[in-house]
Amino acid sequence: MEKIQSFTIDHTKLIPGIYVSRKGIIKDAVITTFDIRVTRPNFEPVLNTAESHTIEHLGATFLRNNESYKDKIVYFGPMGCRTGFYLIVGDDLTSSQIALLVREMFEFISDFTGDVPGTTKLECGNYLDNNLDMAKYIADKFIKDVLNNLSEDNLTY
């Protein structure tokens, strides 16, 4: 079997950022997968499931309500390695083009107050595994450490 592209990236050199992980074409439409790397792989601790779950709920809610992108969002959710998130968008975009949306999403998470959407027993299959305070902390840290200092180093593999 052919090795998939994301497994060809040297994860010992990868730093937090926003990367185009893959572009595919489905029925003449370009689908762009973004790797939103929040922690440095194999160097920093991975995200716990509770804060990842909360970021997923808040991020998906924000993205699917964004007037400019809501009809283009295919998926937003955590990576299995727990070092970040995948954002899949039905459009041919670059990391630079999506950076403002990612910033707005993480600002939304960092500033969020109240009940996290979709976290009742009726709405979620693991509704007790959430941590809003840590989700806000991670979002704020990602904004300060990464989004405020974007460069080619953390926009391109």
Protein backbone atom coordinates (compact mmCIF):
# COMPACT_ATOMS: atom_id res chain seq x y z
CA MET A 1 0.00 0.00 0.00
CA GLU A 2 1.10 3.53 -0.71
CA LYS A 3 1.98 5.63 2.34
CA ILE A 4 -0.45 8.52 2.83
CA GLN A 5 1.00 12.03 2.62
CA SER A 6 0.55 12.94 6.29
CA PHE A 7 2.77 10.02 7.30
CA THR A 8 5.60 11.39 5.15
CA ILE A 9 5.88 14.57 7.27
CA ASP A 10 8.75 14.50 9.79
CA HIS A 11 6.81 14.91 13.03
CA THR A 12 10.04 15.47 14.99
CA LYS A 13 10.43 18.82 13.19
CA LEU A 14 6.76 19.83 12.98
CA ILE A 15 5.78 22.90 14.99
CA PRO A 16 2.31 24.16 15.91
CA GLY A 17 0.58 25.94 13.03
CA ILE A 18 -1.97 25.65 10.24
CA TYR A 19 -0.99 23.36 7.38
CA VAL A 20 -2.65 22.10 4.22
CA SER A 21 -2.61 18.38 4.87
CA ARG A 22 -4.36 17.29 1.69
CA LYS A 23 -6.30 18.50 -1.32
CA GLY A 24 -8.69 16.16 -3.03
CA ILE A 25 -11.34 16.41 -5.70
CA ILE A 26 -14.80 14.96 -5.23
CA LYS A 27 -17.22 15.39 -8.14
CA ASP A 28 -15.27 18.37 -9.54
CA ALA A 29 -15.10 20.13 -6.14
CA VAL A 30 -11.80 20.72 -4.35
CA ILE A 31 -11.80 19.63 -0.72
CA THR A 32 -8.96 21.02 1.44
CA THR A 33 -7.93 19.32 4.67
CA PHE A 34 -6.14 21.54 7.17
CA ASP A 35 -3.95 20.23 9.96
CA ILE A 36 -4.38 22.69 12.85
CA ARG A 37 -1.46 21.59 14.98
CA VAL A 38 -1.95 22.95 18.51
CA THR A 39 0.93 21.20 20.29
CA ARG A 40 4.38 20.18 19.06
CA PRO A 41 4.29 16.44 18.29
CA ASN A 42 6.55 14.15 20.31
CA PHE A 43 7.75 17.11 22.37
CA GLU A 44 4.85 18.70 24.26
CA PRO A 45 2.14 16.80 26.14
CA VAL A 46 -0.84 15.85 23.99
CA LEU A 47 -4.29 17.32 24.56
CA ASN A 48 -6.56 15.50 26.99
CA THR A 49 -9.81 14.21 25.58
CA ALA A 50 -12.00 16.51 27.70
CA GLU A 51 -10.59 19.77 26.34
CA SER A 52 -10.32 18.37 22.81
CA HIS A 53 -13.96 17.38 22.99
CA THR A 54 -14.98 20.86 24.17
CA ILE A 55 -12.89 22.54 21.44
CA GLU A 56 -14.55 20.22 18.92
CA HIS A 57 -18.07 21.20 20.06
CA LEU A 58 -17.32 24.93 20.20
CA GLY A 59 -15.26 24.95 17.01
CA ALA A 60 -17.87 23.04 15.01
CA THR A 61 -20.62 25.31 16.34
CA PHE A 62 -18.65 28.43 15.39
CA LEU A 63 -17.68 27.17 11.94
CA ARG A 64 -21.15 25.95 10.99
CA ASN A 65 -22.62 29.31 11.98
CA ASN A 66 -20.02 31.45 10.19
CA GLU A 67 -21.81 33.35 7.42
CA SER A 68 -18.91 33.13 4.96
CA TYR A 69 -17.95 29.49 5.52
CA LYS A 70 -20.93 27.59 6.96
CA ASP A 71 -21.86 26.03 3.61
CA LYS A 72 -18.23 25.00 2.96
CA ILE A 73 -17.42 23.29 6.26
CA VAL A 74 -17.24 19.52 5.85
CA TYR A 75 -15.69 18.54 9.19
CA PHE A 76 -13.89 19.83 12.26
CA GLY A 77 -12.57 17.43 14.87
CA PRO A 78 -9.58 16.15 16.83
CA MET A 79 -6.63 14.21 15.47
CA GLY A 80 -6.18 10.72 16.80
CA CYS A 81 -2.71 11.64 18.08
CA ARG A 82 -4.32 14.45 20.12
CA THR A 83 -1.88 17.14 19.00
CA GLY A 84 -4.45 19.18 17.10
CA PHE A 85 -7.50 19.20 14.88
CA TYR A 86 -8.52 18.61 11.29
CA LEU A 87 -10.60 21.18 9.45
CA ILE A 88 -12.00 20.02 6.12
CA VAL A 89 -13.37 22.71 3.84
CA GLY A 90 -15.13 22.35 0.50
CA ASP A 91 -12.96 24.89 -1.32
CA ASP A 92 -9.45 25.25 -2.76
CA LEU A 93 -7.73 27.26 -0.02
CA THR A 94 -4.28 27.89 1.43
CA SER A 95 -3.25 28.06 5.07
CA SER A 96 -2.89 31.84 4.78
CA GLN A 97 -6.42 32.13 3.41
CA ILE A 98 -7.94 30.14 6.29
CA ALA A 99 -5.82 31.69 9.08
CA LEU A 100 -8.30 34.48 9.88
CA LEU A 101 -11.18 31.99 10.22
CA VAL A 102 -9.05 29.79 12.48
CA ARG A 103 -8.12 32.84 14.59
CA GLU A 104 -11.78 33.86 14.90
CA MET A 105 -12.70 30.31 15.91
CA PHE A 106 -10.03 30.12 18.61
CA GLU A 107 -10.99 33.60 19.87
CA PHE A 108 -14.60 32.40 20.08
CA ILE A 109 -13.44 29.40 22.14
CA SER A 110 -11.14 31.50 24.33
CA ASP A 111 -13.93 34.00 25.10
CA PHE A 112 -16.79 31.50 25.42
CA THR A 113 -19.01 31.60 28.50
CA GLY A 114 -22.08 29.57 29.34
CA ASP A 115 -23.11 26.05 28.51
CA VAL A 116 -21.08 24.34 25.79
CA PRO A 117 -23.42 23.49 22.88
CA GLY A 118 -24.32 19.84 22.40
CA THR A 119 -23.17 18.58 25.79
CA THR A 120 -26.28 16.99 27.20
CA LYS A 121 -26.97 13.28 27.43
CA LEU A 122 -29.47 13.58 24.57
CA GLU A 123 -27.04 15.45 22.28
CA CYS A 124 -23.69 13.74 22.81
CA GLY A 125 -22.42 10.20 23.22
CA ASN A 126 -19.82 11.22 25.82
CA TYR A 127 -21.36 14.36 27.28
CA LEU A 128 -19.53 14.15 30.64
CA ASP A 129 -16.06 14.33 29.03
CA ASN A 130 -15.72 18.11 28.57
CA ASN A 131 -13.52 20.78 30.12
CA LEU A 132 -14.36 24.37 29.16
CA ASP A 133 -11.68 25.96 31.34
CA MET A 134 -8.89 23.92 29.73
CA ALA A 135 -10.36 24.41 26.25
CA LYS A 136 -10.24 28.17 26.82
CA TYR A 137 -6.68 27.93 28.14
CA ILE A 138 -5.53 25.92 25.09
CA ALA A 139 -7.30 28.31 22.69
CA ASP A 140 -5.74 31.36 24.35
CA LYS A 141 -2.28 29.76 24.32
CA PHE A 142 -2.63 28.83 20.63
CA ILE A 143 -3.61 32.42 19.79
CA LYS A 144 -0.70 33.93 21.73
CA ASP A 145 1.99 31.41 20.81
CA VAL A 146 1.04 30.55 17.24
CA LEU A 147 -1.61 32.70 15.60
CA ASN A 148 0.03 35.95 16.71
CA ASN A 149 3.32 34.79 15.14
CA LEU A 150 2.37 33.03 11.91
CA SER A 151 5.13 32.65 9.33
CA GLU A 152 5.97 30.31 6.47
CA ASP A 153 7.45 27.96 9.09
CA ASN A 154 4.05 27.23 10.58
CA LEU A 155 1.95 27.62 7.45
CA THR A 156 3.74 25.17 5.16
CA TYR A 157 5.02 21.64 5.82
